[in-house]
PDB file of N, CA and C in Angstrom:
ATOM      1  N   MET A   1      11.272  -7.051   5.034  1.00  0.00           N
ATOM      2  CA  MET A   1      12.057  -5.873   4.533  1.00  0.00           C
ATOM      3  C   MET A   1      11.066  -4.767   4.260  1.00  0.00           C
ATOM      4  N   ALA A   2      11.386  -3.521   4.546  1.00  0.00           N
ATOM      5  CA  ALA A   2      10.641  -2.360   4.405  1.00  0.00           C
ATOM      6  C   ALA A   2      10.521  -1.960   2.904  1.00  0.00           C
ATOM      7  N   TYR A   3       9.255  -1.387   2.659  1.00  0.00           N
ATOM      8  CA  TYR A   3       9.078  -1.035   1.231  1.00  0.00           C
ATOM      9  C   TYR A   3       9.950   0.357   0.914  1.00  0.00           C
ATOM     10  N   GLU A   4      10.615   0.331  -0.193  1.00  0.00           N
ATOM     11  CA  GLU A   4      11.516   1.435  -0.399  1.00  0.00           C
ATOM     12  C   GLU A   4      11.166   2.067  -1.792  1.00  0.00           C
ATOM     13  N   ILE A   5      11.658   3.400  -1.921  1.00  0.00           N
ATOM     14  CA  ILE A   5      11.472   4.086  -3.094  1.00  0.00           C
ATOM     15  C   ILE A   5      13.054   4.313  -3.746  1.00  0.00           C
ATOM     16  N   HIS A   6      13.021   4.367  -5.016  1.00  0.00           N
ATOM     17  CA  HIS A   6      14.394   4.348  -5.658  1.00  0.00           C
ATOM     18  C   HIS A   6      14.441   5.587  -6.739  1.00  0.00           C
ATOM     19  N   ILE A   7      15.498   6.111  -6.910  1.00  0.00           N
ATOM     20  CA  ILE A   7      15.772   6.852  -8.093  1.00  0.00           C
ATOM     21  C   ILE A   7      16.737   6.058  -9.025  1.00  0.00           C
ATOM     22  N   ARG A   8      16.207   5.807 -10.265  1.00  0.00           N
ATOM     23  CA  ARG A   8      17.001   4.866 -11.134  1.00  0.00           C
ATOM     24  C   ARG A   8      16.609   5.206 -12.601  1.00  0.00           C
ATOM     25  N   ARG A   9      17.507   4.904 -13.492  1.00  0.00           N
ATOM     26  CA  ARG A   9      17.257   5.216 -14.870  1.00  0.00           C
ATOM     27  C   ARG A   9      16.495   3.952 -15.396  1.00  0.00           C
ATOM     28  N   THR A  10      15.573   4.311 -16.352  1.00  0.00           N
ATOM     29  CA  THR A  10      14.784   3.321 -17.057  1.00  0.00           C
ATOM     30  C   THR A  10      15.572   2.455 -18.067  1.00  0.00           C
ATOM     31  N   ASN A  11      16.671   3.124 -18.551  1.00  0.00           N
ATOM     32  CA  ASN A  11      17.481   2.361 -19.562  1.00  0.00           C
ATOM     33  C   ASN A  11      18.483   1.307 -18.938  1.00  0.00           C
ATOM     34  N   ASP A  12      18.491   1.194 -17.654  1.00  0.00           N
ATOM     35  CA  ASP A  12      19.401   0.225 -17.035  1.00  0.00           C
ATOM     36  C   ASP A  12      20.723   0.783 -16.884  1.00  0.00           C
ATOM     37  N   GLN A  13      20.931   2.002 -17.253  1.00  0.00           N
ATOM     38  CA  GLN A  13      22.180   2.701 -17.196  1.00  0.00           C
ATOM     39  C   GLN A  13      22.390   3.234 -15.677  1.00  0.00           C
ATOM     40  N   PRO A  14      23.450   2.547 -15.106  1.00  0.00           N
ATOM     41  CA  PRO A  14      23.626   2.919 -13.605  1.00  0.00           C
ATOM     42  C   PRO A  14      24.009   4.382 -13.342  1.00  0.00           C
ATOM     43  N   ILE A  15      23.498   4.914 -12.247  1.00  0.00           N
ATOM     44  CA  ILE A  15      23.925   6.288 -11.707  1.00  0.00           C
ATOM     45  C   ILE A  15      25.335   6.103 -11.075  1.00  0.00           C
ATOM     46  N   SER A  16      26.350   6.694 -11.580  1.00  0.00           N
ATOM     47  CA  SER A  16      27.641   6.610 -10.940  1.00  0.00           C
ATOM     48  C   SER A  16      27.614   7.488  -9.672  1.00  0.00           C
ATOM     49  N   LEU A  17      28.583   7.078  -8.657  1.00  0.00           N
ATOM     50  CA  LEU A  17      28.852   7.762  -7.511  1.00  0.00           C
ATOM     51  C   LEU A  17      29.067   9.267  -7.677  1.00  0.00           C
ATOM     52  N   GLU A  18      29.924   9.465  -8.654  1.00  0.00           N
ATOM     53  CA  GLU A  18      30.261  10.893  -9.121  1.00  0.00           C
ATOM     54  C   GLU A  18      29.083  11.681  -9.510  1.00  0.00           C
ATOM     55  N   GLU A  19      28.106  10.997 -10.410  1.00  0.00           N
ATOM     56  CA  GLU A  19      26.888  11.715 -10.828  1.00  0.00           C
ATOM     57  C   GLU A  19      26.042  12.054  -9.610  1.00  0.00           C
ATOM     58  N   TRP A  20      25.909  11.051  -8.690  1.00  0.00           N
ATOM     59  CA  TRP A  20      25.075  11.361  -7.423  1.00  0.00           C
ATOM     60  C   TRP A  20      25.690  12.418  -6.657  1.00  0.00           C
ATOM     61  N   VAL A  21      27.031  12.513  -6.287  1.00  0.00           N
ATOM     62  CA  VAL A  21      27.582  13.508  -5.583  1.00  0.00           C
ATOM     63  C   VAL A  21      27.289  14.856  -6.224  1.00  0.00           C
ATOM     64  N   LYS A  22      27.447  14.977  -7.546  1.00  0.00           N
ATOM     65  CA  LYS A  22      27.287  16.281  -8.237  1.00  0.00           C
ATOM     66  C   LYS A  22      25.859  16.665  -8.089  1.00  0.00           C
ATOM     67  N   ALA A  23      24.939  15.930  -8.217  1.00  0.00           N
ATOM     68  CA  ALA A  23      23.476  16.164  -8.140  1.00  0.00           C
ATOM     69  C   ALA A  23      23.060  16.578  -6.686  1.00  0.00           C
ATOM     70  N   VAL A  24      23.653  15.872  -5.759  1.00  0.00           N
ATOM     71  CA  VAL A  24      23.374  16.327  -4.325  1.00  0.00           C
ATOM     72  C   VAL A  24      24.062  17.581  -4.091  1.00  0.00           C
ATOM     73  N   ASP A  25      25.258  17.895  -4.665  1.00  0.00           N
ATOM     74  CA  ASP A  25      25.990  19.204  -4.457  1.00  0.00           C
ATOM     75  C   ASP A  25      25.071  20.326  -5.039  1.00  0.00           C
ATOM     76  N   ASN A  26      24.296  20.029  -6.138  1.00  0.00           N
ATOM     77  CA  ASN A  26      23.590  21.049  -6.775  1.00  0.00           C
ATOM     78  C   ASN A  26      22.066  21.202  -6.316  1.00  0.00           C
ATOM     79  N   SER A  27      21.802  20.582  -5.306  1.00  0.00           N
ATOM     80  CA  SER A  27      20.305  20.414  -4.795  1.00  0.00           C
ATOM     81  C   SER A  27      20.247  21.200  -3.594  1.00  0.00           C
ATOM     82  N   GLU A  28      19.051  21.762  -3.250  1.00  0.00           N
ATOM     83  CA  GLU A  28      18.727  22.262  -1.957  1.00  0.00           C
ATOM     84  C   GLU A  28      18.053  21.222  -1.091  1.00  0.00           C
ATOM     85  N   ASN A  29      18.354  21.450   0.248  1.00  0.00           N
ATOM     86  CA  ASN A  29      17.787  20.589   1.304  1.00  0.00           C
ATOM     87  C   ASN A  29      18.219  19.161   1.375  1.00  0.00           C
ATOM     88  N   VAL A  30      19.401  18.951   0.705  1.00  0.00           N
ATOM     89  CA  VAL A  30      20.004  17.627   0.655  1.00  0.00           C
ATOM     90  C   VAL A  30      21.444  17.837   0.585  1.00  0.00           C
ATOM     91  N   ARG A  31      22.175  17.027   1.323  1.00  0.00           N
ATOM     92  CA  ARG A  31      23.706  17.115   1.449  1.00  0.00           C
ATOM     93  C   ARG A  31      24.201  15.671   1.617  1.00  0.00           C
ATOM     94  N   LEU A  32      25.482  15.520   1.230  1.00  0.00           N
ATOM     95  CA  LEU A  32      26.190  14.308   1.574  1.00  0.00           C
ATOM     96  C   LEU A  32      26.542  14.214   2.897  1.00  0.00           C
ATOM     97  N   GLY A  33      26.260  12.990   3.599  1.00  0.00           N
ATOM     98  CA  GLY A  33      26.577  12.650   4.954  1.00  0.00           C
ATOM     99  C   GLY A  33      27.994  12.134   5.070  1.00  0.00           C
ATOM    100  N   ASP A  34      28.368  11.977   6.282  1.00  0.00           N
ATOM    101  CA  ASP A  34      29.727  11.390   6.415  1.00  0.00           C
ATOM    102  C   ASP A  34      29.763   9.903   6.044  1.00  0.00           C
ATOM    103  N   ALA A  35      30.711   9.344   5.581  1.00  0.00           N
ATOM    104  CA  ALA A  35      30.774   7.857   5.310  1.00  0.00           C
ATOM    105  C   ALA A  35      30.470   7.176   6.732  1.00  0.00           C
ATOM    106  N   VAL A  36      29.581   6.133   6.515  1.00  0.00           N
ATOM    107  CA  VAL A  36      28.990   5.461   7.717  1.00  0.00           C
ATOM    108  C   VAL A  36      29.518   4.096   7.722  1.00  0.00           C
ATOM    109  N   SER A  37      29.711   3.588   8.901  1.00  0.00           N
ATOM    110  CA  SER A  37      30.163   2.174   9.030  1.00  0.00           C
ATOM    111  C   SER A  37      29.162   1.545  10.045  1.00  0.00           C
ATOM    112  N   ILE A  38      28.472   0.796   9.780  1.00  0.00           N
ATOM    113  CA  ILE A  38      27.309   0.163  10.661  1.00  0.00           C
ATOM    114  C   ILE A  38      27.996  -1.027  11.510  1.00  0.00           C
ATOM    115  N   VAL A  39      27.805  -1.178  12.758  1.00  0.00           N
ATOM    116  CA  VAL A  39      28.171  -2.109  13.614  1.00  0.00           C
ATOM    117  C   VAL A  39      27.051  -2.723  14.173  1.00  0.00           C
ATOM    118  N   VAL A  40      27.028  -4.224  14.059  1.00  0.00           N
ATOM    119  CA  VAL A  40      26.026  -5.035  14.742  1.00  0.00           C
ATOM    120  C   VAL A  40      26.662  -5.980  15.583  1.00  0.00           C
ATOM    121  N   THR A  41      25.948  -6.222  16.685  1.00  0.00           N
ATOM    122  CA  THR A  41      26.454  -7.186  17.710  1.00  0.00           C
ATOM    123  C   THR A  41      25.649  -8.281  17.711  1.00  0.00           C
ATOM    124  N   ASN A  42      26.507  -9.536  17.559  1.00  0.00           N
ATOM    125  CA  ASN A  42      25.700 -10.801  17.600  1.00  0.00           C
ATOM    126  C   ASN A  42      25.287 -11.178  19.022  1.00  0.00           C
ATOM    127  N   SER A  43      23.947 -11.303  19.191  1.00  0.00           N
ATOM    128  CA  SER A  43      23.429 -11.563  20.405  1.00  0.00           C
ATOM    129  C   SER A  43      23.800 -12.792  21.112  1.00  0.00           C
ATOM    130  N   THR A  44      24.229 -13.802  20.353  1.00  0.00           N
ATOM    131  CA  THR A  44      24.642 -14.917  20.984  1.00  0.00           C
ATOM    132  C   THR A  44      26.087 -14.991  21.376  1.00  0.00           C
ATOM    133  N   THR A  45      27.066 -14.560  20.651  1.00  0.00           N
ATOM    134  CA  THR A  45      28.414 -14.498  20.714  1.00  0.00           C
ATOM    135  C   THR A  45      29.112 -13.161  21.316  1.00  0.00           C
ATOM    136  N   SER A  46      28.197 -12.227  21.206  1.00  0.00           N
ATOM    137  CA  SER A  46      28.637 -10.846  21.490  1.00  0.00           C
ATOM    138  C   SER A  46      29.672 -10.281  20.457  1.00  0.00           C
ATOM    139  N   GLU A  47      29.907 -11.019  19.370  1.00  0.00           N
ATOM    140  CA  GLU A  47      31.002 -10.519  18.534  1.00  0.00           C
ATOM    141  C   GLU A  47      30.300  -9.247  17.678  1.00  0.00           C
ATOM    142  N   GLN A  48      31.216  -8.288  17.586  1.00  0.00           N
ATOM    143  CA  GLN A  48      30.842  -7.149  16.783  1.00  0.00           C
ATOM    144  C   GLN A  48      31.181  -7.336  15.271  1.00  0.00           C
ATOM    145  N   ILE A  49      30.209  -7.113  14.433  1.00  0.00           N
ATOM    146  CA  ILE A  49      30.373  -7.179  12.944  1.00  0.00           C
ATOM    147  C   ILE A  49      30.180  -5.791  12.363  1.00  0.00           C
ATOM    148  N   SER A  50      31.152  -5.441  11.532  1.00  0.00           N
ATOM    149  CA  SER A  50      30.832  -4.170  10.930  1.00  0.00           C
ATOM    150  C   SER A  50      30.967  -4.331   9.323  1.00  0.00           C
ATOM    151  N   ASN A  51      30.263  -3.485   8.667  1.00  0.00           N
ATOM    152  CA  ASN A  51      30.433  -3.358   7.291  1.00  0.00           C
ATOM    153  C   ASN A  51      31.443  -2.392   6.766  1.00  0.00           C
ATOM    154  N   PRO A  52      31.791  -2.428   5.488  1.00  0.00           N
ATOM    155  CA  PRO A  52      32.802  -1.395   5.027  1.00  0.00           C
ATOM    156  C   PRO A  52      31.960  -0.063   4.994  1.00  0.00           C
ATOM    157  N   GLN A  53      32.716   0.999   5.056  1.00  0.00           N
ATOM    158  CA  GLN A  53      32.159   2.298   5.044  1.00  0.00           C
ATOM    159  C   GLN A  53      31.313   2.460   3.853  1.00  0.00           C
ATOM    160  N   LEU A  54      29.932   2.996   4.021  1.00  0.00           N
ATOM    161  CA  LEU A  54      29.085   3.249   2.946  1.00  0.00           C
ATOM    162  C   LEU A  54      29.431   4.655   2.316  1.00  0.00           C
ATOM    163  N   GLN A  55      29.336   4.616   1.038  1.00  0.00           N
ATOM    164  CA  GLN A  55      29.605   5.976   0.245  1.00  0.00           C
ATOM    165  C   GLN A  55      28.270   6.276  -0.310  1.00  0.00           C
ATOM    166  N   GLY A  56      28.196   7.648  -0.525  1.00  0.00           N
ATOM    167  CA  GLY A  56      26.943   8.068  -1.206  1.00  0.00           C
ATOM    168  C   GLY A  56      25.736   8.217  -0.314  1.00  0.00           C
ATOM    169  N   VAL A  57      25.927   8.308   1.009  1.00  0.00           N
ATOM    170  CA  VAL A  57      24.802   8.464   1.871  1.00  0.00           C
ATOM    171  C   VAL A  57      24.370   9.839   1.853  1.00  0.00           C
ATOM    172  N   ALA A  58      23.303  10.380   1.670  1.00  0.00           N
ATOM    173  CA  ALA A  58      22.878  11.839   1.675  1.00  0.00           C
ATOM    174  C   ALA A  58      21.751  11.981   2.710  1.00  0.00           C
ATOM    175  N   GLU A  59      21.966  13.186   3.383  1.00  0.00           N
ATOM    176  CA  GLU A  59      20.970  13.573   4.365  1.00  0.00           C
ATOM    177  C   GLU A  59      19.852  14.610   3.777  1.00  0.00           C
ATOM    178  N   LEU A  60      18.654  14.513   4.323  1.00  0.00           N
ATOM    179  CA  LEU A  60      17.739  15.274   3.892  1.00  0.00           C
ATOM    180  C   LEU A  60      17.397  16.339   4.958  1.00  0.00           C
ATOM    181  N   TYR A  61      17.110  17.707   4.719  1.00  0.00           N
ATOM    182  CA  TYR A  61      16.760  18.649   5.749  1.00  0.00           C
ATOM    183  C   TYR A  61      15.192  18.672   6.010  1.00  0.00           C
ATOM    184  N   ASP A  62      15.018  18.336   7.226  1.00  0.00           N
ATOM    185  CA  ASP A  62      13.520  18.464   7.707  1.00  0.00           C
ATOM    186  C   ASP A  62      13.234  19.823   8.063  1.00  0.00           C
ATOM    187  N   VAL A  63      12.479  20.360   7.208  1.00  0.00           N
ATOM    188  CA  VAL A  63      12.129  21.881   7.456  1.00  0.00           C
ATOM    189  C   VAL A  63      11.410  22.164   8.780  1.00  0.00           C
ATOM    190  N   GLY A  64      10.471  21.214   9.092  1.00  0.00           N
ATOM    191  CA  GLY A  64       9.683  21.325  10.308  1.00  0.00           C
ATOM    192  C   GLY A  64      10.430  21.248  11.468  1.00  0.00           C
ATOM    193  N   SER A  65      11.303  20.274  11.631  1.00  0.00           N
ATOM    194  CA  SER A  65      12.160  20.210  12.944  1.00  0.00           C
ATOM    195  C   SER A  65      13.523  20.779  12.777  1.00  0.00           C
ATOM    196  N   GLN A  66      13.762  21.286  11.566  1.00  0.00           N
ATOM    197  CA  GLN A  66      15.122  21.979  11.227  1.00  0.00           C
ATOM    198  C   GLN A  66      16.318  21.117  11.565  1.00  0.00           C
ATOM    199  N   VAL A  67      16.178  19.770  11.233  1.00  0.00           N
ATOM    200  CA  VAL A  67      17.249  18.870  11.591  1.00  0.00           C
ATOM    201  C   VAL A  67      17.648  18.092  10.161  1.00  0.00           C
ATOM    202  N   TRP A  68      18.949  17.700  10.007  1.00  0.00           N
ATOM    203  CA  TRP A  68      19.276  16.974   9.003  1.00  0.00           C
ATOM    204  C   TRP A  68      19.324  15.427   9.327  1.00  0.00           C
ATOM    205  N   PHE A  69      18.816  14.603   8.621  1.00  0.00           N
ATOM    206  CA  PHE A  69      18.838  13.101   8.875  1.00  0.00           C
ATOM    207  C   PHE A  69      19.172  12.227   7.646  1.00  0.00           C
ATOM    208  N   PRO A  70      19.823  11.151   7.873  1.00  0.00           N
ATOM    209  CA  PRO A  70      20.171  10.337   6.708  1.00  0.00           C
ATOM    210  C   PRO A  70      18.862   9.736   6.047  1.00  0.00           C
ATOM    211  N   ALA A  71      18.836  10.017   4.753  1.00  0.00           N
ATOM    212  CA  ALA A  71      17.630   9.582   4.046  1.00  0.00           C
ATOM    213  C   ALA A  71      17.978   8.880   2.774  1.00  0.00           C
ATOM    214  N   PHE A  72      19.042   9.064   1.994  1.00  0.00           N
ATOM    215  CA  PHE A  72      19.108   8.517   0.744  1.00  0.00           C
ATOM    216  C   PHE A  72      20.564   7.626   0.736  1.00  0.00           C
ATOM    217  N   ARG A  73      20.468   6.552   0.113  1.00  0.00           N
ATOM    218  CA  ARG A  73      21.645   5.584  -0.072  1.00  0.00           C
ATOM    219  C   ARG A  73      21.966   5.452  -1.576  1.00  0.00           C
ATOM    220  N   TRP A  74      23.122   5.738  -1.953  1.00  0.00           N
ATOM    221  CA  TRP A  74      23.475   5.183  -3.360  1.00  0.00           C
ATOM    222  C   TRP A  74      24.147   3.752  -3.280  1.00  0.00           C
ATOM    223  N   PHE A  75      23.669   2.861  -4.044  1.00  0.00           N
ATOM    224  CA  PHE A  75      24.129   1.548  -4.004  1.00  0.00           C
ATOM    225  C   PHE A  75      23.914   0.874  -5.402  1.00  0.00           C
ATOM    226  N   GLU A  76      24.980   0.350  -5.963  1.00  0.00           N
ATOM    227  CA  GLU A  76      24.954  -0.255  -7.222  1.00  0.00           C
ATOM    228  C   GLU A  76      24.161   0.380  -8.279  1.00  0.00           C
ATOM    229  N   GLY A  77      24.345   1.682  -8.417  1.00  0.00           N
ATOM    230  CA  GLY A  77      23.918   2.477  -9.534  1.00  0.00           C
ATOM    231  C   GLY A  77      22.495   3.105  -9.358  1.00  0.00           C
ATOM    232  N   ARG A  78      21.809   3.011  -8.255  1.00  0.00           N
ATOM    233  CA  ARG A  78      20.652   3.562  -7.981  1.00  0.00           C
ATOM    234  C   ARG A  78      20.651   4.189  -6.601  1.00  0.00           C
ATOM    235  N   ILE A  79      19.592   5.010  -6.408  1.00  0.00           N
ATOM    236  CA  ILE A  79      19.457   5.691  -5.012  1.00  0.00           C
ATOM    237  C   ILE A  79      18.201   5.174  -4.371  1.00  0.00           C
ATOM    238  N   THR A  80      18.291   4.824  -3.185  1.00  0.00           N
ATOM    239  CA  THR A  80      17.159   4.160  -2.266  1.00  0.00           C
ATOM    240  C   THR A  80      16.870   4.978  -1.069  1.00  0.00           C
ATOM    241  N   THR A  81      15.690   5.028  -0.766  1.00  0.00           N
ATOM    242  CA  THR A  81      15.164   5.457   0.585  1.00  0.00           C
ATOM    243  C   THR A  81      13.871   4.991   0.968  1.00  0.00           C
ATOM    244  N   ARG A  82      13.544   5.092   2.247  1.00  0.00           N
ATOM    245  CA  ARG A  82      12.085   4.703   2.727  1.00  0.00           C
ATOM    246  C   ARG A  82      11.286   5.915   2.549  1.00  0.00           C
ATOM    247  N   ALA A  83      10.123   5.780   2.060  1.00  0.00           N
ATOM    248  CA  ALA A  83       9.175   6.846   1.921  1.00  0.00           C
ATOM    249  C   ALA A  83       8.716   7.458   3.226  1.00  0.00           C
ATOM    250  N   SER A  84       8.626   8.796   3.141  1.00  0.00           N
ATOM    251  CA  SER A  84       8.186   9.481   4.397  1.00  0.00           C
ATOM    252  C   SER A  84       6.707   9.321   4.456  1.00  0.00           C
ATOM    253  N   ARG A  85       6.072   9.594   5.617  1.00  0.00           N
ATOM    254  CA  ARG A  85       4.695   9.366   5.784  1.00  0.00           C
ATOM    255  C   ARG A  85       3.788  10.039   4.756  1.00  0.00           C
ATOM    256  N   ASP A  86       4.188  11.249   4.291  1.00  0.00           N
ATOM    257  CA  ASP A  86       3.498  12.029   3.379  1.00  0.00           C
ATOM    258  C   ASP A  86       3.884  11.794   1.919  1.00  0.00           C
ATOM    259  N   PHE A  87       4.700  10.684   1.617  1.00  0.00           N
ATOM    260  CA  PHE A  87       5.348  10.703   0.314  1.00  0.00           C
ATOM    261  C   PHE A  87       4.132  10.475  -0.797  1.00  0.00           C
ATOM    262  N   ASP A  88       3.101   9.884  -0.592  1.00  0.00           N
ATOM    263  CA  ASP A  88       1.945   9.691  -1.506  1.00  0.00           C
ATOM    264  C   ASP A  88       1.375  11.113  -1.920  1.00  0.00           C
ATOM    265  N   THR A  89       1.702  12.178  -1.218  1.00  0.00           N
ATOM    266  CA  THR A  89       1.282  13.495  -1.456  1.00  0.00           C
ATOM    267  C   THR A  89       2.270  14.036  -2.473  1.00  0.00           C
ATOM    268  N   PHE A  90       1.751  14.710  -3.679  1.00  0.00           N
ATOM    269  CA  PHE A  90       2.641  15.242  -4.572  1.00  0.00           C
ATOM    270  C   PHE A  90       3.629  16.242  -4.052  1.00  0.00           C
ATOM    271  N   HIS A  91       3.149  17.017  -3.114  1.00  0.00           N
ATOM    272  CA  HIS A  91       3.955  18.138  -2.677  1.00  0.00           C
ATOM    273  C   HIS A  91       4.812  17.790  -1.317  1.00  0.00           C
ATOM    274  N   SER A  92       4.867  16.499  -1.067  1.00  0.00           N
ATOM    275  CA  SER A  92       5.710  16.049  -0.104  1.00  0.00           C
ATOM    276  C   SER A  92       7.180  16.614  -0.243  1.00  0.00           C
ATOM    277  N   HIS A  93       7.807  16.963   0.861  1.00  0.00           N
ATOM    278  CA  HIS A  93       9.113  17.577   0.840  1.00  0.00           C
ATOM    279  C   HIS A  93      10.057  16.559   0.198  1.00  0.00           C
ATOM    280  N   GLN A  94      10.098  15.304   0.831  1.00  0.00           N
ATOM    281  CA  GLN A  94      11.047  14.251   0.283  1.00  0.00           C
ATOM    282  C   GLN A  94      10.808  14.027  -1.131  1.00  0.00           C
ATOM    283  N   ARG A  95       9.632  13.887  -1.488  1.00  0.00           N
ATOM    284  CA  ARG A  95       9.254  13.692  -2.893  1.00  0.00           C
ATOM    285  C   ARG A  95       9.632  14.802  -3.889  1.00  0.00           C
ATOM    286  N   SER A  96       9.530  16.011  -3.411  1.00  0.00           N
ATOM    287  CA  SER A  96      10.043  17.273  -4.195  1.00  0.00           C
ATOM    288  C   SER A  96      11.494  17.128  -4.370  1.00  0.00           C
ATOM    289  N   VAL A  97      12.253  16.762  -3.325  1.00  0.00           N
ATOM    290  CA  VAL A  97      13.753  16.675  -3.504  1.00  0.00           C
ATOM    291  C   VAL A  97      14.026  15.551  -4.206  1.00  0.00           C
ATOM    292  N   MET A  98      13.318  14.569  -4.380  1.00  0.00           N
ATOM    293  CA  MET A  98      13.658  13.352  -5.042  1.00  0.00           C
ATOM    294  C   MET A  98      13.329  13.711  -6.619  1.00  0.00           C
ATOM    295  N   ARG A  99      12.194  14.482  -6.904  1.00  0.00           N
ATOM    296  CA  ARG A  99      12.028  14.909  -8.219  1.00  0.00           C
ATOM    297  C   ARG A  99      13.212  15.763  -8.763  1.00  0.00           C
ATOM    298  N   ALA A 100      13.687  16.634  -7.946  1.00  0.00           N
ATOM    299  CA  ALA A 100      14.841  17.539  -8.554  1.00  0.00           C
ATOM    300  C   ALA A 100      16.056  16.593  -8.716  1.00  0.00           C
ATOM    301  N   LEU A 101      16.373  15.700  -7.833  1.00  0.00           N
ATOM    302  CA  LEU A 101      17.451  14.814  -7.988  1.00  0.00           C
ATOM    303  C   LEU A 101      17.368  14.055  -9.226  1.00  0.00           C
ATOM    304  N   ALA A 102      16.266  13.471  -9.358  1.00  0.00           N
ATOM    305  CA  ALA A 102      15.892  12.532 -10.508  1.00  0.00           C
ATOM    306  C   ALA A 102      16.024  13.255 -11.802  1.00  0.00           C
ATOM    307  N   SER A 103      15.548  14.480 -11.858  1.00  0.00           N
ATOM    308  CA  SER A 103      15.582  15.308 -13.107  1.00  0.00           C
ATOM    309  C   SER A 103      17.141  15.622 -13.473  1.00  0.00           C
ATOM    310  N   GLN A 104      17.883  15.901 -12.481  1.00  0.00           N
ATOM    311  CA  GLN A 104      19.312  16.205 -12.816  1.00  0.00           C
ATOM    312  C   GLN A 104      20.081  14.874 -13.207  1.00  0.00           C
ATOM    313  N   LEU A 105      19.580  13.669 -12.830  1.00  0.00           N
ATOM    314  CA  LEU A 105      20.238  12.411 -13.122  1.00  0.00           C
ATOM    315  C   LEU A 105      19.535  11.754 -14.361  1.00  0.00           C
ATOM    316  N   GLY A 106      18.580  12.338 -14.941  1.00  0.00           N
ATOM    317  CA  GLY A 106      17.981  11.760 -16.100  1.00  0.00           C
ATOM    318  C   GLY A 106      17.347  10.556 -15.728  1.00  0.00           C
ATOM    319  N   ALA A 107      16.733  10.545 -14.591  1.00  0.00           N
ATOM    320  CA  ALA A 107      16.209   9.191 -13.890  1.00  0.00           C
ATOM    321  C   ALA A 107      14.706   9.303 -13.464  1.00  0.00           C
ATOM    322  N   GLN A 108      14.234   8.460 -13.030  1.00  0.00           N
ATOM    323  CA  GLN A 108      12.817   8.419 -12.581  1.00  0.00           C
ATOM    324  C   GLN A 108      12.654   7.847 -11.105  1.00  0.00           C
ATOM    325  N   ILE A 109      11.698   8.230 -10.569  1.00  0.00           N
ATOM    326  CA  ILE A 109      11.423   7.730  -9.122  1.00  0.00           C
ATOM    327  C   ILE A 109      10.358   6.633  -9.212  1.00  0.00           C
ATOM    328  N   VAL A 110      10.827   5.471  -8.626  1.00  0.00           N
ATOM    329  CA  VAL A 110       9.923   4.256  -8.765  1.00  0.00           C
ATOM    330  C   VAL A 110       9.958   3.398  -7.475  1.00  0.00           C
ATOM    331  N   GLY A 111       8.854   2.896  -7.154  1.00  0.00           N
ATOM    332  CA  GLY A 111       8.724   2.050  -5.898  1.00  0.00           C
ATOM    333  C   GLY A 111       9.139   0.525  -6.188  1.00  0.00           C
ATOM    334  N   ASP A 112       9.075  -0.228  -5.138  1.00  0.00           N
ATOM    335  CA  ASP A 112       9.785  -1.596  -5.134  1.00  0.00           C
ATOM    336  C   ASP A 112       8.833  -2.367  -6.181  1.00  0.00           C
ATOM    337  N   GLU A 113       7.634  -2.116  -6.369  1.00  0.00           N
ATOM    338  CA  GLU A 113       6.802  -2.886  -7.294  1.00  0.00           C
ATOM    339  C   GLU A 113       6.766  -2.322  -8.635  1.00  0.00           C
ATOM    340  N   GLY A 114       7.621  -1.418  -8.959  1.00  0.00           N
ATOM    341  CA  GLY A 114       7.785  -0.765 -10.271  1.00  0.00           C
ATOM    342  C   GLY A 114       6.894   0.491 -10.583  1.00  0.00           C
ATOM    343  N   GLU A 115       5.965   0.825  -9.555  1.00  0.00           N
ATOM    344  CA  GLU A 115       5.207   2.086  -9.848  1.00  0.00           C
ATOM    345  C   GLU A 115       6.008   3.283  -9.992  1.00  0.00           C
ATOM    346  N   SER A 116       5.668   4.272 -10.795  1.00  0.00           N
ATOM    347  CA  SER A 116       6.221   5.556 -11.059  1.00  0.00           C
ATOM    348  C   SER A 116       5.631   6.656 -10.322  1.00  0.00           C
ATOM    349  N   TYR A 117       6.539   7.481  -9.817  1.00  0.00           N
ATOM    350  CA  TYR A 117       6.042   8.729  -9.051  1.00  0.00           C
ATOM    351  C   TYR A 117       6.592   9.870  -9.868  1.00  0.00           C
ATOM    352  N   GLU A 118       5.794  10.958  -9.930  1.00  0.00           N
ATOM    353  CA  GLU A 118       6.164  12.216 -10.485  1.00  0.00           C
ATOM    354  C   GLU A 118       6.686  13.092  -9.464  1.00  0.00           C
TER     355      GLU A 118
END
């Protein structure tokens, strides 16, 4: 499993989908994506298996390539993403957007191992 970064509250209070949608709507360089349904094909039986539509997926605008791409997932009261290559840099675009979102949500940015990011 890949290492992920999360926006979550330290008091274990979940972030509601409604709160997430509002924060995204009030932020620059991030927007809600379309509901996504992921389909996987079983290589042995060729059966196609799909999950229910995912809500709370948000896209991040890549300033360099001028393209929107799926970046954030809301699930079970927290937001999750894979860190960009430059995430360890304080001024990373992804990290800056996450700081703004976390601030609106009264939350923090934390890694899988519990480390905090500003």
